[in-house]
Amino acid sequence: MKTHRTARIAEVIREVASETILFKMSDPRISMVTVLRAEVSGDLQHGKIYVSVMGDEEHQKETLYALNGAAGFVQSQLADRMKTRFLPVLTFVLDQGVKRSLEISKLIQEALTNPSKLSDSDQIKEEEADDDVEQEDSDGDPSDLVKEE
């Protein structure tokens, strides 16, 4: 099957899932959910919806459990919108990409603002690396520096 067709179907699934979660579900366990993307298998039999849930680990697990329980309702909403031979079986997957990127950017920001927090062993390794570079430069053959024409 062509990849652009599966991409279009995945985009429809993402739209329907986000609209359904936002406007049509009244489960109190499902809150602070963002639908990030959807993937569909090539035969359109299975679909994964990647969501991000704000909150602690327990709230994320509870919300993901509730979303997977309500997957049939999302599929019924999808059936109203799509007119295809097969309707994919949907599963919700927790996407940790946003959380990881926030943690990494926080660590980078801390490293840039406090470079003096390097441990002593890291500073010694940096000094040894600088010494090795200087020795390589001085030990090199001077004829290597002359360009051949």
Protein backbone atom coordinates (compact mmCIF):
# COMPACT_ATOMS: atom_id res chain seq x y z
CA MET A 1 0.00 0.00 0.00
CA LYS A 2 1.25 3.46 -0.74
CA THR A 3 2.83 5.35 2.14
CA HIS A 4 0.99 8.58 1.46
CA ARG A 5 -2.35 6.80 1.94
CA THR A 6 -1.31 5.36 5.29
CA ALA A 7 -0.02 8.78 6.31
CA ARG A 8 -3.36 10.39 5.45
CA ILE A 9 -5.26 7.71 7.36
CA ALA A 10 -2.94 8.13 10.35
CA GLU A 11 -3.63 11.87 10.31
CA VAL A 12 -7.40 11.26 10.27
CA ILE A 13 -7.03 8.84 13.19
CA ARG A 14 -5.03 11.45 15.13
CA GLU A 15 -7.67 14.13 14.48
CA VAL A 16 -10.60 11.90 15.42
CA ALA A 17 -8.87 10.63 18.55
CA SER A 18 -8.00 14.13 19.75
CA GLU A 19 -11.50 15.46 19.08
CA THR A 20 -13.08 12.47 20.81
CA ILE A 21 -10.85 12.73 23.88
CA LEU A 22 -11.30 16.48 24.13
CA PHE A 23 -15.01 16.87 23.46
CA LYS A 24 -16.86 13.56 23.73
CA MET A 25 -15.30 11.64 26.63
CA SER A 26 -16.50 12.35 30.14
CA ASP A 27 -14.30 9.90 32.06
CA PRO A 28 -12.70 11.77 34.99
CA ARG A 29 -9.58 9.57 34.75
CA ILE A 30 -8.83 11.01 31.31
CA SER A 31 -7.44 14.48 31.81
CA MET A 32 -4.49 16.53 30.60
CA VAL A 33 -3.97 14.34 27.50
CA THR A 34 -2.34 15.47 24.28
CA VAL A 35 -2.53 13.31 21.17
CA LEU A 36 0.86 13.60 19.50
CA ARG A 37 0.75 11.28 16.51
CA ALA A 38 -0.76 8.11 15.12
CA GLU A 39 0.75 5.21 13.23
CA VAL A 40 -1.09 2.68 11.10
CA SER A 41 0.15 -0.68 9.85
CA GLY A 42 0.43 -1.19 6.12
CA ASP A 43 -2.65 -3.43 5.99
CA LEU A 44 -4.73 -0.95 8.04
CA GLN A 45 -5.51 -3.61 10.66
CA HIS A 46 -3.72 -1.99 13.62
CA GLY A 47 -3.18 1.55 14.74
CA LYS A 48 -1.20 3.12 17.57
CA ILE A 49 -2.05 6.50 19.00
CA TYR A 50 0.81 8.15 20.85
CA VAL A 51 -0.31 10.39 23.69
CA SER A 52 1.42 12.56 26.25
CA VAL A 53 -0.11 12.79 29.71
CA MET A 54 0.88 15.53 32.13
CA GLY A 55 1.16 14.47 35.73
CA ASP A 56 2.92 11.96 37.89
CA GLU A 57 3.61 8.32 36.99
CA GLU A 58 0.48 7.00 38.70
CA HIS A 59 -1.80 9.47 36.88
CA GLN A 60 -0.18 8.56 33.56
CA LYS A 61 -0.75 4.83 34.09
CA GLU A 62 -4.36 5.37 35.15
CA THR A 63 -5.07 7.63 32.17
CA LEU A 64 -3.47 5.20 29.73
CA TYR A 65 -5.53 2.34 31.19
CA ALA A 66 -8.71 4.40 30.80
CA LEU A 67 -7.81 5.37 27.22
CA ASN A 68 -7.19 1.77 26.21
CA GLY A 69 -10.52 0.87 27.80
CA ALA A 70 -12.22 3.55 25.72
CA ALA A 71 -10.48 2.57 22.49
CA GLY A 72 -13.68 0.99 21.21
CA PHE A 73 -15.51 4.29 21.58
CA VAL A 74 -12.77 6.07 19.65
CA GLN A 75 -12.99 3.36 16.97
CA SER A 76 -16.74 3.92 16.66
CA GLN A 77 -16.15 7.64 16.20
CA LEU A 78 -13.53 6.81 13.60
CA ALA A 79 -15.97 4.51 11.77
CA ASP A 80 -18.37 7.44 11.39
CA ARG A 81 -15.63 9.50 9.74
CA MET A 82 -13.80 6.90 7.63
CA LYS A 83 -15.40 4.79 4.95
CA THR A 84 -12.81 2.06 4.46
CA ARG A 85 -13.05 -1.69 4.23
CA PHE A 86 -11.03 -2.23 7.38
CA LEU A 87 -11.12 -0.21 10.54
CA PRO A 88 -7.88 -0.40 12.50
CA VAL A 89 -7.87 -1.75 16.04
CA LEU A 90 -6.58 1.14 18.11
CA THR A 91 -4.19 1.05 21.05
CA PHE A 92 -2.94 4.00 23.02
CA VAL A 93 0.77 4.28 23.78
CA LEU A 94 2.39 6.69 26.22
CA ASP A 95 5.01 8.80 24.44
CA GLN A 96 7.83 9.87 26.75
CA GLY A 97 9.57 11.99 24.09
CA VAL A 98 8.31 15.33 25.39
CA LYS A 99 9.25 14.52 28.97
CA ARG A 100 12.72 13.34 27.96
CA SER A 101 13.36 16.40 25.82
CA LEU A 102 12.41 18.68 28.72
CA GLU A 103 14.77 16.80 31.05
CA ILE A 104 17.64 16.97 28.53
CA SER A 105 17.15 20.68 27.89
CA LYS A 106 17.11 21.27 31.65
CA LEU A 107 20.40 19.37 32.04
CA ILE A 108 21.96 21.30 29.15
CA GLN A 109 20.84 24.59 30.64
CA GLU A 110 22.33 23.65 34.03
CA ALA A 111 25.61 22.66 32.38
CA LEU A 112 25.80 25.94 30.48
CA THR A 113 25.08 28.11 33.51
CA ASN A 114 27.37 26.22 35.93
CA PRO A 115 30.45 24.94 34.10
CA SER A 116 32.39 24.92 37.39
CA LYS A 117 30.37 21.93 38.59
CA LEU A 118 32.56 19.54 36.62
CA SER A 119 34.01 16.90 38.87
CA ASP A 120 37.76 16.80 39.55
CA SER A 121 38.20 13.67 37.45
CA ASP A 122 36.52 15.38 34.48
CA GLN A 123 38.82 18.38 34.83
CA ILE A 124 41.88 16.13 34.98
CA LYS A 125 40.73 14.27 31.87
CA GLU A 126 40.24 17.59 30.04
CA GLU A 127 43.75 18.76 31.04
CA GLU A 128 45.27 15.46 29.88
CA ALA A 129 43.44 15.73 26.57
CA ASP A 130 44.77 19.27 26.10
CA ASP A 131 48.34 18.04 26.85
CA ASP A 132 47.97 15.22 24.32
CA VAL A 133 46.86 17.66 21.62
CA GLU A 134 49.83 19.96 22.31
CA GLN A 135 52.26 17.03 22.18
CA GLU A 136 50.84 15.82 18.88
CA ASP A 137 51.30 19.28 17.39
CA SER A 138 54.91 19.56 18.55
CA ASP A 139 55.91 16.01 17.57
CA GLY A 140 54.58 16.31 14.03
CA ASP A 141 56.90 16.57 11.05
CA PRO A 142 57.27 20.20 9.90
CA SER A 143 57.21 19.08 6.30
CA ASP A 144 53.57 18.06 6.82
CA LEU A 145 52.67 21.71 7.26
CA VAL A 146 54.08 22.77 3.87
CA LYS A 147 51.56 22.56 1.04
CA GLU A 148 52.62 20.68 -2.02
CA GLU A 149 51.98 22.44 -5.29
